[in-house]
Amino acid sequence: MIGQGTRYNAEKKKIGKYFSSPIFEFRMKCAECSGWMTINTDPKNGDFELVDGVAKKTIEWDQAENGTAVPRSKQVTYVRPTMY
């Protein structure tokens, strides 16, 4: 299991391009089981593509249930500062 923000020594290889953004492949060993895992960057979706030896675990939570602030609307208004 890899925690978010964990740093690994990985073999990095450029395998392609998406427009002008490079697509990289990272191959690394698991710290617990010494098995190999391969992950590719996905610039089109701003995510990673899991290729071999790894599975993605997503945790979803409800903001209202956890007591955090829930935005009322997503509309952003800009207020121009007044000049004195």
PDB file of N, CA and C in Angstrom:
ATOM      1  N   MET A   1       0.846  -1.180   0.000  1.00  0.00           N
ATOM      2  CA  MET A   1       0.000   0.000   0.000  1.00  0.00           C
ATOM      3  C   MET A   1       0.886   1.237   0.000  1.00  0.00           C
ATOM      4  N   ILE A   2       0.607   2.151  -0.899  1.00  0.00           N
ATOM      5  CA  ILE A   2       1.379   3.388  -1.019  1.00  0.00           C
ATOM      6  C   ILE A   2       0.512   4.537  -0.539  1.00  0.00           C
ATOM      7  N   GLY A   3       0.969   5.258   0.445  1.00  0.00           N
ATOM      8  CA  GLY A   3       0.246   6.427   0.921  1.00  0.00           C
ATOM      9  C   GLY A   3       0.452   7.599  -0.018  1.00  0.00           C
ATOM     10  N   GLN A   4      -0.505   8.509  -0.033  1.00  0.00           N
ATOM     11  CA  GLN A   4      -0.400   9.687  -0.885  1.00  0.00           C
ATOM     12  C   GLN A   4       0.792  10.522  -0.443  1.00  0.00           C
ATOM     13  N   GLY A   5       1.618  10.910  -1.389  1.00  0.00           N
ATOM     14  CA  GLY A   5       2.789  11.728  -1.097  1.00  0.00           C
ATOM     15  C   GLY A   5       4.034  10.932  -0.765  1.00  0.00           C
ATOM     16  N   THR A   6       3.980   9.596  -0.806  1.00  0.00           N
ATOM     17  CA  THR A   6       5.132   8.757  -0.522  1.00  0.00           C
ATOM     18  C   THR A   6       6.106   8.818  -1.689  1.00  0.00           C
ATOM     19  N   ARG A   7       7.383   8.981  -1.382  1.00  0.00           N
ATOM     20  CA  ARG A   7       8.401   9.046  -2.432  1.00  0.00           C
ATOM     21  C   ARG A   7       9.036   7.672  -2.615  1.00  0.00           C
ATOM     22  N   TYR A   8       9.284   7.314  -3.882  1.00  0.00           N
ATOM     23  CA  TYR A   8       9.901   6.047  -4.234  1.00  0.00           C
ATOM     24  C   TYR A   8      11.047   6.297  -5.196  1.00  0.00           C
ATOM     25  N   ASN A   9      12.055   5.446  -5.130  1.00  0.00           N
ATOM     26  CA  ASN A   9      13.065   5.432  -6.183  1.00  0.00           C
ATOM     27  C   ASN A   9      12.475   4.602  -7.307  1.00  0.00           C
ATOM     28  N   ALA A  10      12.289   5.198  -8.461  1.00  0.00           N
ATOM     29  CA  ALA A  10      11.645   4.511  -9.570  1.00  0.00           C
ATOM     30  C   ALA A  10      12.470   4.667 -10.835  1.00  0.00           C
ATOM     31  N   GLU A  11      12.342   3.681 -11.714  1.00  0.00           N
ATOM     32  CA  GLU A  11      12.922   3.787 -13.047  1.00  0.00           C
ATOM     33  C   GLU A  11      11.953   4.622 -13.881  1.00  0.00           C
ATOM     34  N   LYS A  12      12.427   5.715 -14.434  1.00  0.00           N
ATOM     35  CA  LYS A  12      11.583   6.633 -15.191  1.00  0.00           C
ATOM     36  C   LYS A  12      11.966   6.553 -16.655  1.00  0.00           C
ATOM     37  N   LYS A  13      10.949   6.347 -17.518  1.00  0.00           N
ATOM     38  CA  LYS A  13      11.197   6.220 -18.947  1.00  0.00           C
ATOM     39  C   LYS A  13      10.133   6.993 -19.711  1.00  0.00           C
ATOM     40  N   LYS A  14      10.549   7.789 -20.696  1.00  0.00           N
ATOM     41  CA  LYS A  14       9.606   8.519 -21.543  1.00  0.00           C
ATOM     42  C   LYS A  14       9.113   7.568 -22.625  1.00  0.00           C
ATOM     43  N   ILE A  15       7.771   7.349 -22.677  1.00  0.00           N
ATOM     44  CA  ILE A  15       7.230   6.358 -23.617  1.00  0.00           C
ATOM     45  C   ILE A  15       6.358   6.970 -24.710  1.00  0.00           C
ATOM     46  N   GLY A  16       6.085   8.266 -24.644  1.00  0.00           N
ATOM     47  CA  GLY A  16       5.262   8.876 -25.674  1.00  0.00           C
ATOM     48  C   GLY A  16       4.947  10.320 -25.357  1.00  0.00           C
ATOM     49  N   LYS A  17       3.999  10.870 -26.122  1.00  0.00           N
ATOM     50  CA  LYS A  17       3.567  12.254 -25.931  1.00  0.00           C
ATOM     51  C   LYS A  17       2.061  12.355 -26.103  1.00  0.00           C
ATOM     52  N   TYR A  18       1.474  13.286 -25.377  1.00  0.00           N
ATOM     53  CA  TYR A  18       0.086  13.689 -25.579  1.00  0.00           C
ATOM     54  C   TYR A  18       0.145  15.180 -25.891  1.00  0.00           C
ATOM     55  N   PHE A  19      -0.017  15.519 -27.142  1.00  0.00           N
ATOM     56  CA  PHE A  19       0.256  16.862 -27.656  1.00  0.00           C
ATOM     57  C   PHE A  19       1.688  17.225 -27.291  1.00  0.00           C
ATOM     58  N   SER A  20       1.930  18.223 -26.464  1.00  0.00           N
ATOM     59  CA  SER A  20       3.307  18.571 -26.109  1.00  0.00           C
ATOM     60  C   SER A  20       3.722  18.018 -24.747  1.00  0.00           C
ATOM     61  N   SER A  21       2.813  17.332 -24.047  1.00  0.00           N
ATOM     62  CA  SER A  21       3.120  16.776 -22.726  1.00  0.00           C
ATOM     63  C   SER A  21       3.696  15.372 -22.857  1.00  0.00           C
ATOM     64  N   PRO A  22       4.823  15.115 -22.201  1.00  0.00           N
ATOM     65  CA  PRO A  22       5.395  13.769 -22.272  1.00  0.00           C
ATOM     66  C   PRO A  22       4.600  12.775 -21.426  1.00  0.00           C
ATOM     67  N   ILE A  23       4.582  11.525 -21.861  1.00  0.00           N
ATOM     68  CA  ILE A  23       3.986  10.435 -21.093  1.00  0.00           C
ATOM     69  C   ILE A  23       5.138   9.620 -20.533  1.00  0.00           C
ATOM     70  N   PHE A  24       5.189   9.485 -19.211  1.00  0.00           N
ATOM     71  CA  PHE A  24       6.265   8.768 -18.551  1.00  0.00           C
ATOM     72  C   PHE A  24       5.763   7.447 -17.989  1.00  0.00           C
ATOM     73  N   GLU A  25       6.678   6.472 -17.927  1.00  0.00           N
ATOM     74  CA  GLU A  25       6.410   5.201 -17.282  1.00  0.00           C
ATOM     75  C   GLU A  25       7.319   5.109 -16.062  1.00  0.00           C
ATOM     76  N   PHE A  26       6.737   4.777 -14.924  1.00  0.00           N
ATOM     77  CA  PHE A  26       7.493   4.607 -13.689  1.00  0.00           C
ATOM     78  C   PHE A  26       7.405   3.143 -13.276  1.00  0.00           C
ATOM     79  N   ARG A  27       8.555   2.522 -13.044  1.00  0.00           N
ATOM     80  CA  ARG A  27       8.602   1.137 -12.603  1.00  0.00           C
ATOM     81  C   ARG A  27       9.344   1.124 -11.277  1.00  0.00           C
ATOM     82  N   MET A  28       8.706   0.546 -10.237  1.00  0.00           N
ATOM     83  CA  MET A  28       9.295   0.570  -8.907  1.00  0.00           C
ATOM     84  C   MET A  28       8.958  -0.701  -8.155  1.00  0.00           C
ATOM     85  N   LYS A  29       9.699  -0.946  -7.089  1.00  0.00           N
ATOM     86  CA  LYS A  29       9.482  -2.111  -6.241  1.00  0.00           C
ATOM     87  C   LYS A  29       8.648  -1.725  -5.040  1.00  0.00           C
ATOM     88  N   CYS A  30       7.759  -2.625  -4.643  1.00  0.00           N
ATOM     89  CA  CYS A  30       6.956  -2.421  -3.438  1.00  0.00           C
ATOM     90  C   CYS A  30       7.855  -2.563  -2.214  1.00  0.00           C
ATOM     91  N   ALA A  31       7.660  -1.699  -1.233  1.00  0.00           N
ATOM     92  CA  ALA A  31       8.467  -1.728  -0.023  1.00  0.00           C
ATOM     93  C   ALA A  31       8.121  -2.918   0.872  1.00  0.00           C
ATOM     94  N   GLU A  32       6.902  -3.427   0.757  1.00  0.00           N
ATOM     95  CA  GLU A  32       6.472  -4.516   1.626  1.00  0.00           C
ATOM     96  C   GLU A  32       6.709  -5.904   1.036  1.00  0.00           C
ATOM     97  N   CYS A  33       6.343  -6.095  -0.257  1.00  0.00           N
ATOM     98  CA  CYS A  33       6.405  -7.441  -0.831  1.00  0.00           C
ATOM     99  C   CYS A  33       7.521  -7.617  -1.853  1.00  0.00           C
ATOM    100  N   SER A  34       8.253  -6.579  -2.177  1.00  0.00           N
ATOM    101  CA  SER A  34       9.334  -6.587  -3.166  1.00  0.00           C
ATOM    102  C   SER A  34       8.866  -6.952  -4.574  1.00  0.00           C
ATOM    103  N   GLY A  35       7.554  -6.832  -4.837  1.00  0.00           N
ATOM    104  CA  GLY A  35       7.027  -7.042  -6.176  1.00  0.00           C
ATOM    105  C   GLY A  35       7.160  -5.771  -7.000  1.00  0.00           C
ATOM    106  N   TRP A  36       7.193  -5.912  -8.323  1.00  0.00           N
ATOM    107  CA  TRP A  36       7.331  -4.757  -9.211  1.00  0.00           C
ATOM    108  C   TRP A  36       5.965  -4.205  -9.585  1.00  0.00           C
ATOM    109  N   MET A  37       5.872  -2.883  -9.724  1.00  0.00           N
ATOM    110  CA  MET A  37       4.657  -2.219 -10.187  1.00  0.00           C
ATOM    111  C   MET A  37       5.029  -1.194 -11.242  1.00  0.00           C
ATOM    112  N   THR A  38       4.101  -1.002 -12.196  1.00  0.00           N
ATOM    113  CA  THR A  38       4.330  -0.082 -13.302  1.00  0.00           C
ATOM    114  C   THR A  38       3.155   0.876 -13.398  1.00  0.00           C
ATOM    115  N   ILE A  39       3.476   2.175 -13.472  1.00  0.00           N
ATOM    116  CA  ILE A  39       2.466   3.235 -13.546  1.00  0.00           C
ATOM    117  C   ILE A  39       2.854   4.190 -14.668  1.00  0.00           C
ATOM    118  N   ASN A  40       1.874   4.568 -15.507  1.00  0.00           N
ATOM    119  CA  ASN A  40       2.099   5.553 -16.570  1.00  0.00           C
ATOM    120  C   ASN A  40       1.352   6.833 -16.232  1.00  0.00           C
ATOM    121  N   THR A  41       1.926   7.976 -16.621  1.00  0.00           N
ATOM    122  CA  THR A  41       1.204   9.237 -16.463  1.00  0.00           C
ATOM    123  C   THR A  41       0.142   9.337 -17.543  1.00  0.00           C
ATOM    124  N   ASP A  42      -0.942  10.042 -17.249  1.00  0.00           N
ATOM    125  CA  ASP A  42      -2.054  10.238 -18.190  1.00  0.00           C
ATOM    126  C   ASP A  42      -2.365  11.729 -18.255  1.00  0.00           C
ATOM    127  N   PRO A  43      -1.618  12.501 -19.073  1.00  0.00           N
ATOM    128  CA  PRO A  43      -1.832  13.945 -19.114  1.00  0.00           C
ATOM    129  C   PRO A  43      -3.200  14.346 -19.664  1.00  0.00           C
ATOM    130  N   LYS A  44      -3.833  13.483 -20.448  1.00  0.00           N
ATOM    131  CA  LYS A  44      -5.155  13.801 -21.003  1.00  0.00           C
ATOM    132  C   LYS A  44      -6.177  13.973 -19.888  1.00  0.00           C
ATOM    133  N   ASN A  45      -6.153  13.091 -18.887  1.00  0.00           N
ATOM    134  CA  ASN A  45      -7.117  13.129 -17.783  1.00  0.00           C
ATOM    135  C   ASN A  45      -6.530  13.691 -16.495  1.00  0.00           C
ATOM    136  N   GLY A  46      -5.244  14.047 -16.501  1.00  0.00           N
ATOM    137  CA  GLY A  46      -4.604  14.571 -15.299  1.00  0.00           C
ATOM    138  C   GLY A  46      -4.519  13.530 -14.198  1.00  0.00           C
ATOM    139  N   ASP A  47      -4.227  12.291 -14.553  1.00  0.00           N
ATOM    140  CA  ASP A  47      -4.231  11.185 -13.597  1.00  0.00           C
ATOM    141  C   ASP A  47      -3.094  10.226 -13.944  1.00  0.00           C
ATOM    142  N   PHE A  48      -3.123   9.024 -13.366  1.00  0.00           N
ATOM    143  CA  PHE A  48      -2.168   7.981 -13.658  1.00  0.00           C
ATOM    144  C   PHE A  48      -2.893   6.770 -14.216  1.00  0.00           C
ATOM    145  N   GLU A  49      -2.225   6.034 -15.087  1.00  0.00           N
ATOM    146  CA  GLU A  49      -2.741   4.783 -15.625  1.00  0.00           C
ATOM    147  C   GLU A  49      -1.978   3.659 -14.929  1.00  0.00           C
ATOM    148  N   LEU A  50      -2.683   2.766 -14.278  1.00  0.00           N
ATOM    149  CA  LEU A  50      -2.066   1.660 -13.565  1.00  0.00           C
ATOM    150  C   LEU A  50      -1.884   0.506 -14.540  1.00  0.00           C
ATOM    151  N   VAL A  51      -0.646   0.129 -14.791  1.00  0.00           N
ATOM    152  CA  VAL A  51      -0.347  -0.839 -15.832  1.00  0.00           C
ATOM    153  C   VAL A  51      -0.186  -2.245 -15.273  1.00  0.00           C
ATOM    154  N   ASP A  52       0.680  -2.428 -14.283  1.00  0.00           N
ATOM    155  CA  ASP A  52       0.991  -3.768 -13.817  1.00  0.00           C
ATOM    156  C   ASP A  52       1.340  -3.765 -12.332  1.00  0.00           C
ATOM    157  N   GLY A  53       0.832  -4.748 -11.596  1.00  0.00           N
ATOM    158  CA  GLY A  53       1.231  -4.978 -10.218  1.00  0.00           C
ATOM    159  C   GLY A  53       0.645  -4.034  -9.191  1.00  0.00           C
ATOM    160  N   VAL A  54      -0.380  -3.259  -9.555  1.00  0.00           N
ATOM    161  CA  VAL A  54      -0.933  -2.291  -8.623  1.00  0.00           C
ATOM    162  C   VAL A  54      -2.428  -2.114  -8.899  1.00  0.00           C
ATOM    163  N   ALA A  55      -3.186  -1.811  -7.858  1.00  0.00           N
ATOM    164  CA  ALA A  55      -4.617  -1.532  -7.979  1.00  0.00           C
ATOM    165  C   ALA A  55      -4.909  -0.224  -7.261  1.00  0.00           C
ATOM    166  N   LYS A  56      -5.880   0.527  -7.758  1.00  0.00           N
ATOM    167  CA  LYS A  56      -6.204   1.826  -7.183  1.00  0.00           C
ATOM    168  C   LYS A  56      -7.315   1.688  -6.153  1.00  0.00           C
ATOM    169  N   LYS A  57      -7.127   2.321  -5.015  1.00  0.00           N
ATOM    170  CA  LYS A  57      -8.126   2.338  -3.962  1.00  0.00           C
ATOM    171  C   LYS A  57      -8.587   3.780  -3.801  1.00  0.00           C
ATOM    172  N   THR A  58      -9.870   4.023  -3.988  1.00  0.00           N
ATOM    173  CA  THR A  58     -10.401   5.373  -3.830  1.00  0.00           C
ATOM    174  C   THR A  58     -11.281   5.419  -2.598  1.00  0.00           C
ATOM    175  N   ILE A  59     -11.142   6.472  -1.844  1.00  0.00           N
ATOM    176  CA  ILE A  59     -11.941   6.674  -0.646  1.00  0.00           C
ATOM    177  C   ILE A  59     -12.762   7.936  -0.851  1.00  0.00           C
ATOM    178  N   GLU A  60     -14.074   7.794  -0.813  1.00  0.00           N
ATOM    179  CA  GLU A  60     -14.961   8.939  -0.959  1.00  0.00           C
ATOM    180  C   GLU A  60     -15.609   9.228   0.387  1.00  0.00           C
ATOM    181  N   TRP A  61     -15.794  10.527   0.693  1.00  0.00           N
ATOM    182  CA  TRP A  61     -16.421  10.894   1.947  1.00  0.00           C
ATOM    183  C   TRP A  61     -17.332  12.078   1.716  1.00  0.00           C
ATOM    184  N   ASP A  62     -18.315  12.191   2.581  1.00  0.00           N
ATOM    185  CA  ASP A  62     -19.308  13.245   2.487  1.00  0.00           C
ATOM    186  C   ASP A  62     -18.883  14.404   3.383  1.00  0.00           C
ATOM    187  N   GLN A  63     -18.818  15.607   2.817  1.00  0.00           N
ATOM    188  CA  GLN A  63     -18.368  16.772   3.591  1.00  0.00           C
ATOM    189  C   GLN A  63     -19.324  17.082   4.739  1.00  0.00           C
ATOM    190  N   ALA A  64     -20.615  17.000   4.504  1.00  0.00           N
ATOM    191  CA  ALA A  64     -21.587  17.326   5.547  1.00  0.00           C
ATOM    192  C   ALA A  64     -21.511  16.322   6.698  1.00  0.00           C
ATOM    193  N   GLU A  65     -21.245  15.067   6.381  1.00  0.00           N
ATOM    194  CA  GLU A  65     -21.170  14.025   7.402  1.00  0.00           C
ATOM    195  C   GLU A  65     -19.944  14.192   8.296  1.00  0.00           C
ATOM    196  N   ASN A  66     -18.867  14.725   7.746  1.00  0.00           N
ATOM    197  CA  ASN A  66     -17.621  14.877   8.499  1.00  0.00           C
ATOM    198  C   ASN A  66     -17.494  16.221   9.203  1.00  0.00           C
ATOM    199  N   GLY A  67     -18.493  17.074   9.074  1.00  0.00           N
ATOM    200  CA  GLY A  67     -18.475  18.345   9.780  1.00  0.00           C
ATOM    201  C   GLY A  67     -17.617  19.412   9.140  1.00  0.00           C
ATOM    202  N   THR A  68     -17.277  19.263   7.872  1.00  0.00           N
ATOM    203  CA  THR A  68     -16.504  20.293   7.195  1.00  0.00           C
ATOM    204  C   THR A  68     -17.437  21.258   6.479  1.00  0.00           C
ATOM    205  N   ALA A  69     -16.906  22.371   6.068  1.00  0.00           N
ATOM    206  CA  ALA A  69     -17.723  23.389   5.405  1.00  0.00           C
ATOM    207  C   ALA A  69     -18.185  22.897   4.038  1.00  0.00           C
ATOM    208  N   VAL A  70     -19.463  23.070   3.766  1.00  0.00           N
ATOM    209  CA  VAL A  70     -20.036  22.676   2.491  1.00  0.00           C
ATOM    210  C   VAL A  70     -20.389  23.954   1.727  1.00  0.00           C
ATOM    211  N   PRO A  71     -19.817  24.134   0.529  1.00  0.00           N
ATOM    212  CA  PRO A  71     -20.132  25.351  -0.226  1.00  0.00           C
ATOM    213  C   PRO A  71     -21.595  25.370  -0.658  1.00  0.00           C
ATOM    214  N   ARG A  72     -22.198  26.562  -0.594  1.00  0.00           N
ATOM    215  CA  ARG A  72     -23.607  26.689  -0.974  1.00  0.00           C
ATOM    216  C   ARG A  72     -23.778  26.736  -2.479  1.00  0.00           C
ATOM    217  N   SER A  73     -22.860  27.405  -3.151  1.00  0.00           N
ATOM    218  CA  SER A  73     -22.927  27.443  -4.606  1.00  0.00           C
ATOM    219  C   SER A  73     -21.506  27.435  -5.146  1.00  0.00           C
ATOM    220  N   LYS A  74     -21.368  27.058  -6.378  1.00  0.00           N
ATOM    221  CA  LYS A  74     -20.056  27.024  -6.999  1.00  0.00           C
ATOM    222  C   LYS A  74     -19.790  28.272  -7.824  1.00  0.00           C
ATOM    223  N   GLN A  75     -20.735  29.203  -7.819  1.00  0.00           N
ATOM    224  CA  GLN A  75     -20.565  30.423  -8.581  1.00  0.00           C
ATOM    225  C   GLN A  75     -19.582  31.339  -7.853  1.00  0.00           C
ATOM    226  N   VAL A  76     -18.611  31.837  -8.592  1.00  0.00           N
ATOM    227  CA  VAL A  76     -17.590  32.709  -8.027  1.00  0.00           C
ATOM    228  C   VAL A  76     -17.866  34.119  -8.501  1.00  0.00           C
ATOM    229  N   THR A  77     -17.889  35.056  -7.565  1.00  0.00           N
ATOM    230  CA  THR A  77     -18.090  36.454  -7.932  1.00  0.00           C
ATOM    231  C   THR A  77     -16.824  37.230  -7.615  1.00  0.00           C
ATOM    232  N   TYR A  78     -16.511  38.155  -8.474  1.00  0.00           N
ATOM    233  CA  TYR A  78     -15.329  38.977  -8.284  1.00  0.00           C
ATOM    234  C   TYR A  78     -15.783  40.349  -7.817  1.00  0.00           C
ATOM    235  N   VAL A  79     -15.198  40.811  -6.727  1.00  0.00           N
ATOM    236  CA  VAL A  79     -15.510  42.127  -6.202  1.00  0.00           C
ATOM    237  C   VAL A  79     -14.329  43.038  -6.501  1.00  0.00           C
ATOM    238  N   ARG A  80     -14.601  44.081  -7.246  1.00  0.00           N
ATOM    239  CA  ARG A  80     -13.545  45.011  -7.611  1.00  0.00           C
ATOM    240  C   ARG A  80     -13.229  45.911  -6.410  1.00  0.00           C
ATOM    241  N   PRO A  81     -11.966  46.045  -6.050  1.00  0.00           N
ATOM    242  CA  PRO A  81     -11.617  46.933  -4.931  1.00  0.00           C
ATOM    243  C   PRO A  81     -11.909  48.396  -5.277  1.00  0.00           C
ATOM    244  N   THR A  82     -12.347  49.136  -4.287  1.00  0.00           N
ATOM    245  CA  THR A  82     -12.626  50.563  -4.509  1.00  0.00           C
ATOM    246  C   THR A  82     -11.364  51.375  -4.322  1.00  0.00           C
ATOM    247  N   MET A  83     -11.259  52.431  -5.081  1.00  0.00           N
ATOM    248  CA  MET A  83     -10.094  53.311  -4.985  1.00  0.00           C
ATOM    249  C   MET A  83     -10.427  54.430  -4.012  1.00  0.00           C
ATOM    250  N   TYR A  84      -9.507  54.781  -3.165  1.00  0.00           N
ATOM    251  CA  TYR A  84      -9.718  55.867  -2.201  1.00  0.00           C
ATOM    252  C   TYR A  84      -9.210  57.158  -2.735  1.00  0.00           C
TER     253      TYR A  84
END
